[in-house]
Amino acid sequence: MAPAVSTSADIAAPKPAENPIEKLRDEVESKSDYVGDTFVKEARDMHDGVTPERPIYGEAKLDEAKKLIDDGIPVMPLPFIPRKKAN
């Protein structure tokens, strides 16, 4: 008896909505504010109580992100590049 082997024609590429990284991107973008390159300042201001806390995402240089972590400010890298938005 021959084994059942799928061919490339039988294998469909995942639809964009099925891609877990795209699903994460959609969720982050719909539930968070994009703050762009002001991310470090916004995160620090929220941590220090200067501004109210809210979910944000944006961009930071590696050394700036490490400094936030060293200062006890919880941040994490996202597995995608943010779509550019106007602040």
PDB file of N, CA and C in Angstrom:
ATOM      1  N   MET A   1       0.846  -1.176   0.000  1.00  0.00           N
ATOM      2  CA  MET A   1       0.000   0.000   0.000  1.00  0.00           C
ATOM      3  C   MET A   1       0.889   1.237   0.000  1.00  0.00           C
ATOM      4  N   ALA A   2       0.589   2.174  -0.843  1.00  0.00           N
ATOM      5  CA  ALA A   2       1.399   3.388  -0.959  1.00  0.00           C
ATOM      6  C   ALA A   2       0.950   4.407   0.082  1.00  0.00           C
ATOM      7  N   PRO A   3       1.911   5.161   0.673  1.00  0.00           N
ATOM      8  CA  PRO A   3       1.536   6.189   1.649  1.00  0.00           C
ATOM      9  C   PRO A   3       0.858   7.370   0.952  1.00  0.00           C
ATOM     10  N   ALA A   4       0.005   8.057   1.682  1.00  0.00           N
ATOM     11  CA  ALA A   4      -0.652   9.253   1.144  1.00  0.00           C
ATOM     12  C   ALA A   4       0.295  10.436   1.305  1.00  0.00           C
ATOM     13  N   VAL A   5       0.692  11.004   0.190  1.00  0.00           N
ATOM     14  CA  VAL A   5       1.630  12.122   0.199  1.00  0.00           C
ATOM     15  C   VAL A   5       0.955  13.318  -0.462  1.00  0.00           C
ATOM     16  N   SER A   6       0.957  14.433   0.237  1.00  0.00           N
ATOM     17  CA  SER A   6       0.376  15.651  -0.322  1.00  0.00           C
ATOM     18  C   SER A   6       1.334  16.283  -1.309  1.00  0.00           C
ATOM     19  N   THR A   7       0.771  16.832  -2.352  1.00  0.00           N
ATOM     20  CA  THR A   7       1.592  17.575  -3.300  1.00  0.00           C
ATOM     21  C   THR A   7       1.437  19.059  -3.006  1.00  0.00           C
ATOM     22  N   SER A   8       2.269  19.857  -3.588  1.00  0.00           N
ATOM     23  CA  SER A   8       2.193  21.297  -3.335  1.00  0.00           C
ATOM     24  C   SER A   8       0.848  21.868  -3.775  1.00  0.00           C
ATOM     25  N   ALA A   9       0.190  21.236  -4.733  1.00  0.00           N
ATOM     26  CA  ALA A   9      -1.120  21.709  -5.169  1.00  0.00           C
ATOM     27  C   ALA A   9      -2.173  21.469  -4.091  1.00  0.00           C
ATOM     28  N   ASP A  10      -1.942  20.459  -3.232  1.00  0.00           N
ATOM     29  CA  ASP A  10      -2.891  20.144  -2.170  1.00  0.00           C
ATOM     30  C   ASP A  10      -2.742  21.053  -0.957  1.00  0.00           C
ATOM     31  N   ILE A  11      -1.595  21.712  -0.834  1.00  0.00           N
ATOM     32  CA  ILE A  11      -1.307  22.531   0.337  1.00  0.00           C
ATOM     33  C   ILE A  11      -1.613  23.983   0.015  1.00  0.00           C
ATOM     34  N   ALA A  12      -2.561  24.545   0.736  1.00  0.00           N
ATOM     35  CA  ALA A  12      -2.933  25.942   0.504  1.00  0.00           C
ATOM     36  C   ALA A  12      -2.180  26.845   1.467  1.00  0.00           C
ATOM     37  N   ALA A  13      -1.751  27.982   0.986  1.00  0.00           N
ATOM     38  CA  ALA A  13      -1.092  28.959   1.857  1.00  0.00           C
ATOM     39  C   ALA A  13      -2.139  29.515   2.813  1.00  0.00           C
ATOM     40  N   PRO A  14      -1.724  29.834   4.054  1.00  0.00           N
ATOM     41  CA  PRO A  14      -2.704  30.383   4.997  1.00  0.00           C
ATOM     42  C   PRO A  14      -3.246  31.722   4.514  1.00  0.00           C
ATOM     43  N   LYS A  15      -4.522  31.925   4.748  1.00  0.00           N
ATOM     44  CA  LYS A  15      -5.131  33.208   4.405  1.00  0.00           C
ATOM     45  C   LYS A  15      -4.613  34.250   5.383  1.00  0.00           C
ATOM     46  N   PRO A  16      -4.574  35.522   4.986  1.00  0.00           N
ATOM     47  CA  PRO A  16      -4.055  36.562   5.906  1.00  0.00           C
ATOM     48  C   PRO A  16      -4.727  36.543   7.280  1.00  0.00           C
ATOM     49  N   ALA A  17      -6.018  36.291   7.341  1.00  0.00           N
ATOM     50  CA  ALA A  17      -6.709  36.283   8.633  1.00  0.00           C
ATOM     51  C   ALA A  17      -6.286  35.087   9.484  1.00  0.00           C
ATOM     52  N   GLU A  18      -5.742  34.040   8.851  1.00  0.00           N
ATOM     53  CA  GLU A  18      -5.328  32.851   9.580  1.00  0.00           C
ATOM     54  C   GLU A  18      -3.881  32.952  10.064  1.00  0.00           C
ATOM     55  N   ASN A  19      -3.143  33.906   9.559  1.00  0.00           N
ATOM     56  CA  ASN A  19      -1.755  34.080   9.948  1.00  0.00           C
ATOM     57  C   ASN A  19      -1.716  34.636  11.374  1.00  0.00           C
ATOM     58  N   PRO A  20      -1.106  33.908  12.325  1.00  0.00           N
ATOM     59  CA  PRO A  20      -1.125  34.373  13.716  1.00  0.00           C
ATOM     60  C   PRO A  20      -0.467  35.733  13.931  1.00  0.00           C
ATOM     61  N   ILE A  21       0.558  36.047  13.173  1.00  0.00           N
ATOM     62  CA  ILE A  21       1.209  37.352  13.334  1.00  0.00           C
ATOM     63  C   ILE A  21       0.286  38.460  12.829  1.00  0.00           C
ATOM     64  N   GLU A  22      -0.419  38.213  11.736  1.00  0.00           N
ATOM     65  CA  GLU A  22      -1.371  39.208  11.234  1.00  0.00           C
ATOM     66  C   GLU A  22      -2.531  39.379  12.214  1.00  0.00           C
ATOM     67  N   LYS A  23      -2.972  38.282  12.822  1.00  0.00           N
ATOM     68  CA  LYS A  23      -4.046  38.376  13.815  1.00  0.00           C
ATOM     69  C   LYS A  23      -3.580  39.209  15.009  1.00  0.00           C
ATOM     70  N   LEU A  24      -2.330  38.991  15.445  1.00  0.00           N
ATOM     71  CA  LEU A  24      -1.782  39.772  16.547  1.00  0.00           C
ATOM     72  C   LEU A  24      -1.688  41.244  16.157  1.00  0.00           C
ATOM     73  N   ARG A  25      -1.203  41.518  14.957  1.00  0.00           N
ATOM     74  CA  ARG A  25      -1.099  42.898  14.479  1.00  0.00           C
ATOM     75  C   ARG A  25      -2.465  43.573  14.498  1.00  0.00           C
ATOM     76  N   ASP A  26      -3.479  42.886  13.976  1.00  0.00           N
ATOM     77  CA  ASP A  26      -4.831  43.451  13.946  1.00  0.00           C
ATOM     78  C   ASP A  26      -5.332  43.746  15.356  1.00  0.00           C
ATOM     79  N   GLU A  27      -5.074  42.831  16.285  1.00  0.00           N
ATOM     80  CA  GLU A  27      -5.530  43.031  17.663  1.00  0.00           C
ATOM     81  C   GLU A  27      -4.801  44.198  18.326  1.00  0.00           C
ATOM     82  N   VAL A  28      -3.481  44.248  18.174  1.00  0.00           N
ATOM     83  CA  VAL A  28      -2.696  45.340  18.767  1.00  0.00           C
ATOM     84  C   VAL A  28      -3.147  46.674  18.197  1.00  0.00           C
ATOM     85  N   GLU A  29      -3.306  46.737  16.880  1.00  0.00           N
ATOM     86  CA  GLU A  29      -3.683  48.001  16.244  1.00  0.00           C
ATOM     87  C   GLU A  29      -5.091  48.438  16.611  1.00  0.00           C
ATOM     88  N   SER A  30      -5.981  47.492  16.860  1.00  0.00           N
ATOM     89  CA  SER A  30      -7.358  47.877  17.180  1.00  0.00           C
ATOM     90  C   SER A  30      -7.542  48.226  18.655  1.00  0.00           C
ATOM     91  N   LYS A  31      -6.663  47.719  19.522  1.00  0.00           N
ATOM     92  CA  LYS A  31      -6.843  47.923  20.955  1.00  0.00           C
ATOM     93  C   LYS A  31      -5.800  48.826  21.597  1.00  0.00           C
ATOM     94  N   SER A  32      -4.872  49.355  20.799  1.00  0.00           N
ATOM     95  CA  SER A  32      -3.784  50.179  21.339  1.00  0.00           C
ATOM     96  C   SER A  32      -3.626  51.449  20.522  1.00  0.00           C
ATOM     97  N   ASP A  33      -2.970  52.430  21.115  1.00  0.00           N
ATOM     98  CA  ASP A  33      -2.654  53.675  20.421  1.00  0.00           C
ATOM     99  C   ASP A  33      -1.234  53.609  19.874  1.00  0.00           C
ATOM    100  N   TYR A  34      -1.080  53.953  18.605  1.00  0.00           N
ATOM    101  CA  TYR A  34       0.246  54.017  18.000  1.00  0.00           C
ATOM    102  C   TYR A  34       0.867  55.361  18.357  1.00  0.00           C
ATOM    103  N   VAL A  35       2.020  55.331  19.030  1.00  0.00           N
ATOM    104  CA  VAL A  35       2.681  56.564  19.447  1.00  0.00           C
ATOM    105  C   VAL A  35       3.985  56.803  18.694  1.00  0.00           C
ATOM    106  N   GLY A  36       4.289  55.944  17.739  1.00  0.00           N
ATOM    107  CA  GLY A  36       5.462  56.128  16.895  1.00  0.00           C
ATOM    108  C   GLY A  36       6.763  56.182  17.674  1.00  0.00           C
ATOM    109  N   ASP A  37       7.610  57.151  17.318  1.00  0.00           N
ATOM    110  CA  ASP A  37       8.924  57.246  17.957  1.00  0.00           C
ATOM    111  C   ASP A  37       8.884  57.948  19.309  1.00  0.00           C
ATOM    112  N   THR A  38       7.704  58.289  19.787  1.00  0.00           N
ATOM    113  CA  THR A  38       7.583  58.842  21.148  1.00  0.00           C
ATOM    114  C   THR A  38       7.269  57.732  22.157  1.00  0.00           C
ATOM    115  N   PHE A  39       7.407  56.477  21.729  1.00  0.00           N
ATOM    116  CA  PHE A  39       7.065  55.348  22.588  1.00  0.00           C
ATOM    117  C   PHE A  39       7.800  55.381  23.924  1.00  0.00           C
ATOM    118  N   VAL A  40       9.096  55.618  23.906  1.00  0.00           N
ATOM    119  CA  VAL A  40       9.895  55.606  25.141  1.00  0.00           C
ATOM    120  C   VAL A  40       9.379  56.666  26.115  1.00  0.00           C
ATOM    121  N   LYS A  41       9.155  57.866  25.633  1.00  0.00           N
ATOM    122  CA  LYS A  41       8.659  58.939  26.501  1.00  0.00           C
ATOM    123  C   LYS A  41       7.267  58.607  27.031  1.00  0.00           C
ATOM    124  N   GLU A  42       6.392  58.133  26.164  1.00  0.00           N
ATOM    125  CA  GLU A  42       5.021  57.789  26.579  1.00  0.00           C
ATOM    126  C   GLU A  42       5.035  56.683  27.632  1.00  0.00           C
ATOM    127  N   ALA A  43       5.834  55.640  27.409  1.00  0.00           N
ATOM    128  CA  ALA A  43       5.898  54.526  28.362  1.00  0.00           C
ATOM    129  C   ALA A  43       6.437  55.003  29.713  1.00  0.00           C
ATOM    130  N   ARG A  44       7.476  55.824  29.676  1.00  0.00           N
ATOM    131  CA  ARG A  44       8.059  56.336  30.919  1.00  0.00           C
ATOM    132  C   ARG A  44       7.068  57.262  31.645  1.00  0.00           C
ATOM    133  N   ASP A  45       6.382  58.129  30.913  1.00  0.00           N
ATOM    134  CA  ASP A  45       5.400  59.031  31.525  1.00  0.00           C
ATOM    135  C   ASP A  45       4.264  58.253  32.183  1.00  0.00           C
ATOM    136  N   MET A  46       3.795  57.193  31.543  1.00  0.00           N
ATOM    137  CA  MET A  46       2.731  56.374  32.142  1.00  0.00           C
ATOM    138  C   MET A  46       3.233  55.665  33.391  1.00  0.00           C
ATOM    139  N   HIS A  47       4.439  55.137  33.318  1.00  0.00           N
ATOM    140  CA  HIS A  47       5.023  54.437  34.467  1.00  0.00           C
ATOM    141  C   HIS A  47       5.213  55.381  35.653  1.00  0.00           C
ATOM    142  N   ASP A  48       5.602  56.620  35.373  1.00  0.00           N
ATOM    143  CA  ASP A  48       5.839  57.605  36.432  1.00  0.00           C
ATOM    144  C   ASP A  48       4.556  58.298  36.898  1.00  0.00           C
ATOM    145  N   GLY A  49       3.423  57.980  36.292  1.00  0.00           N
ATOM    146  CA  GLY A  49       2.157  58.577  36.697  1.00  0.00           C
ATOM    147  C   GLY A  49       1.901  59.959  36.129  1.00  0.00           C
ATOM    148  N   VAL A  50       2.714  60.387  35.173  1.00  0.00           N
ATOM    149  CA  VAL A  50       2.547  61.704  34.562  1.00  0.00           C
ATOM    150  C   VAL A  50       1.310  61.705  33.650  1.00  0.00           C
ATOM    151  N   THR A  51       1.099  60.613  32.934  1.00  0.00           N
ATOM    152  CA  THR A  51      -0.073  60.467  32.077  1.00  0.00           C
ATOM    153  C   THR A  51      -0.804  59.186  32.459  1.00  0.00           C
ATOM    154  N   PRO A  52      -2.105  59.123  32.192  1.00  0.00           N
ATOM    155  CA  PRO A  52      -2.854  57.910  32.528  1.00  0.00           C
ATOM    156  C   PRO A  52      -2.381  56.718  31.697  1.00  0.00           C
ATOM    157  N   GLU A  53      -2.453  55.530  32.302  1.00  0.00           N
ATOM    158  CA  GLU A  53      -2.040  54.327  31.585  1.00  0.00           C
ATOM    159  C   GLU A  53      -3.052  53.974  30.519  1.00  0.00           C
ATOM    160  N   ARG A  54      -2.525  53.494  29.401  1.00  0.00           N
ATOM    161  CA  ARG A  54      -3.335  53.008  28.293  1.00  0.00           C
ATOM    162  C   ARG A  54      -2.454  52.100  27.462  1.00  0.00           C
ATOM    163  N   PRO A  55      -3.034  51.203  26.692  1.00  0.00           N
ATOM    164  CA  PRO A  55      -2.203  50.347  25.839  1.00  0.00           C
ATOM    165  C   PRO A  55      -1.628  51.155  24.673  1.00  0.00           C
ATOM    166  N   ILE A  56      -0.326  51.063  24.504  1.00  0.00           N
ATOM    167  CA  ILE A  56       0.350  51.776  23.414  1.00  0.00           C
ATOM    168  C   ILE A  56       1.312  50.837  22.697  1.00  0.00           C
ATOM    169  N   TYR A  57       1.662  51.201  21.496  1.00  0.00           N
ATOM    170  CA  TYR A  57       2.752  50.539  20.785  1.00  0.00           C
ATOM    171  C   TYR A  57       3.430  51.581  19.924  1.00  0.00           C
ATOM    172  N   GLY A  58       4.679  51.327  19.608  1.00  0.00           N
ATOM    173  CA  GLY A  58       5.434  52.294  18.825  1.00  0.00           C
ATOM    174  C   GLY A  58       6.811  51.755  18.537  1.00  0.00           C
ATOM    175  N   GLU A  59       7.744  52.654  18.399  1.00  0.00           N
ATOM    176  CA  GLU A  59       9.098  52.278  18.000  1.00  0.00           C
ATOM    177  C   GLU A  59      10.118  52.830  18.989  1.00  0.00           C
ATOM    178  N   ALA A  60      11.131  52.004  19.257  1.00  0.00           N
ATOM    179  CA  ALA A  60      12.208  52.409  20.159  1.00  0.00           C
ATOM    180  C   ALA A  60      13.502  51.761  19.691  1.00  0.00           C
ATOM    181  N   LYS A  61      14.589  52.437  19.936  1.00  0.00           N
ATOM    182  CA  LYS A  61      15.897  51.855  19.659  1.00  0.00           C
ATOM    183  C   LYS A  61      16.169  50.794  20.719  1.00  0.00           C
ATOM    184  N   LEU A  62      16.992  49.826  20.381  1.00  0.00           N
ATOM    185  CA  LEU A  62      17.272  48.712  21.280  1.00  0.00           C
ATOM    186  C   LEU A  62      17.803  49.188  22.627  1.00  0.00           C
ATOM    187  N   ASP A  63      18.746  50.129  22.627  1.00  0.00           N
ATOM    188  CA  ASP A  63      19.305  50.603  23.891  1.00  0.00           C
ATOM    189  C   ASP A  63      18.252  51.331  24.729  1.00  0.00           C
ATOM    190  N   GLU A  64      17.319  52.041  24.076  1.00  0.00           N
ATOM    191  CA  GLU A  64      16.254  52.715  24.811  1.00  0.00           C
ATOM    192  C   GLU A  64      15.289  51.705  25.436  1.00  0.00           C
ATOM    193  N   ALA A  65      14.979  50.653  24.685  1.00  0.00           N
ATOM    194  CA  ALA A  65      14.080  49.619  25.204  1.00  0.00           C
ATOM    195  C   ALA A  65      14.724  48.894  26.391  1.00  0.00           C
ATOM    196  N   LYS A  66      16.027  48.620  26.298  1.00  0.00           N
ATOM    197  CA  LYS A  66      16.733  47.974  27.407  1.00  0.00           C
ATOM    198  C   LYS A  66      16.709  48.864  28.651  1.00  0.00           C
ATOM    199  N   LYS A  67      16.853  50.160  28.469  1.00  0.00           N
ATOM    200  CA  LYS A  67      16.819  51.094  29.595  1.00  0.00           C
ATOM    201  C   LYS A  67      15.443  51.075  30.267  1.00  0.00           C
ATOM    202  N   LEU A  68      14.373  51.031  29.467  1.00  0.00           N
ATOM    203  CA  LEU A  68      13.029  50.927  30.039  1.00  0.00           C
ATOM    204  C   LEU A  68      12.909  49.668  30.899  1.00  0.00           C
ATOM    205  N   ILE A  69      13.386  48.554  30.385  1.00  0.00           N
ATOM    206  CA  ILE A  69      13.327  47.293  31.125  1.00  0.00           C
ATOM    207  C   ILE A  69      14.160  47.382  32.392  1.00  0.00           C
ATOM    208  N   ASP A  70      15.359  47.951  32.293  1.00  0.00           N
ATOM    209  CA  ASP A  70      16.217  48.116  33.479  1.00  0.00           C
ATOM    210  C   ASP A  70      15.545  48.976  34.547  1.00  0.00           C
ATOM    211  N   ASP A  71      14.710  49.928  34.109  1.00  0.00           N
ATOM    212  CA  ASP A  71      14.009  50.816  35.038  1.00  0.00           C
ATOM    213  C   ASP A  71      12.686  50.231  35.535  1.00  0.00           C
ATOM    214  N   GLY A  72      12.418  48.975  35.173  1.00  0.00           N
ATOM    215  CA  GLY A  72      11.206  48.307  35.652  1.00  0.00           C
ATOM    216  C   GLY A  72       9.953  48.624  34.877  1.00  0.00           C
ATOM    217  N   ILE A  73      10.103  49.168  33.690  1.00  0.00           N
ATOM    218  CA  ILE A  73       8.950  49.502  32.857  1.00  0.00           C
ATOM    219  C   ILE A  73       8.717  48.328  31.905  1.00  0.00           C
ATOM    220  N   PRO A  74       7.556  47.669  32.021  1.00  0.00           N
ATOM    221  CA  PRO A  74       7.325  46.474  31.202  1.00  0.00           C
ATOM    222  C   PRO A  74       7.083  46.808  29.733  1.00  0.00           C
ATOM    223  N   VAL A  75       7.946  46.305  28.877  1.00  0.00           N
ATOM    224  CA  VAL A  75       7.813  46.443  27.431  1.00  0.00           C
ATOM    225  C   VAL A  75       8.190  45.119  26.797  1.00  0.00           C
ATOM    226  N   MET A  76       7.767  44.932  25.579  1.00  0.00           N
ATOM    227  CA  MET A  76       8.171  43.733  24.841  1.00  0.00           C
ATOM    228  C   MET A  76       8.199  44.048  23.356  1.00  0.00           C
ATOM    229  N   PRO A  77       9.077  43.375  22.628  1.00  0.00           N
ATOM    230  CA  PRO A  77       9.115  43.598  21.179  1.00  0.00           C
ATOM    231  C   PRO A  77       7.922  42.909  20.517  1.00  0.00           C
ATOM    232  N   LEU A  78       7.462  43.489  19.434  1.00  0.00           N
ATOM    233  CA  LEU A  78       6.388  42.887  18.661  1.00  0.00           C
ATOM    234  C   LEU A  78       6.996  42.185  17.449  1.00  0.00           C
ATOM    235  N   PRO A  79       6.391  41.086  17.011  1.00  0.00           N
ATOM    236  CA  PRO A  79       6.962  40.337  15.887  1.00  0.00           C
ATOM    237  C   PRO A  79       6.558  40.883  14.525  1.00  0.00           C
ATOM    238  N   PHE A  80       6.307  42.175  14.453  1.00  0.00           N
ATOM    239  CA  PHE A  80       5.957  42.805  13.186  1.00  0.00           C
ATOM    240  C   PHE A  80       6.369  44.266  13.244  1.00  0.00           C
ATOM    241  N   ILE A  81       6.475  44.869  12.070  1.00  0.00           N
ATOM    242  CA  ILE A  81       6.770  46.291  11.968  1.00  0.00           C
ATOM    243  C   ILE A  81       5.434  47.014  11.919  1.00  0.00           C
ATOM    244  N   PRO A  82       5.223  48.009  12.774  1.00  0.00           N
ATOM    245  CA  PRO A  82       3.944  48.715  12.750  1.00  0.00           C
ATOM    246  C   PRO A  82       3.674  49.369  11.406  1.00  0.00           C
ATOM    247  N   ARG A  83       2.403  49.331  11.025  1.00  0.00           N
ATOM    248  CA  ARG A  83       2.011  50.103   9.853  1.00  0.00           C
ATOM    249  C   ARG A  83       2.117  51.575  10.257  1.00  0.00           C
ATOM    250  N   LYS A  84       2.528  52.405   9.381  1.00  0.00           N
ATOM    251  CA  LYS A  84       2.689  53.818   9.703  1.00  0.00           C
ATOM    252  C   LYS A  84       1.327  54.468   9.840  1.00  0.00           C
ATOM    253  N   LYS A  85       1.135  55.183  10.938  1.00  0.00           N
ATOM    254  CA  LYS A  85      -0.108  55.900  11.183  1.00  0.00           C
ATOM    255  C   LYS A  85       0.224  57.307  11.593  1.00  0.00           C
ATOM    256  N   ALA A  86      -0.710  58.180  11.434  1.00  0.00           N
ATOM    257  CA  ALA A  86      -0.550  59.547  11.923  1.00  0.00           C
ATOM    258  C   ALA A  86      -0.864  59.554  13.403  1.00  0.00           C
ATOM    259  N   ASN A  87      -0.070  60.272  14.194  1.00  0.00           N
ATOM    260  CA  ASN A  87      -0.323  60.343  15.635  1.00  0.00           C
ATOM    261  C   ASN A  87      -1.553  61.131  15.928  1.00  0.00           C
TER     262      ASN A  87
END
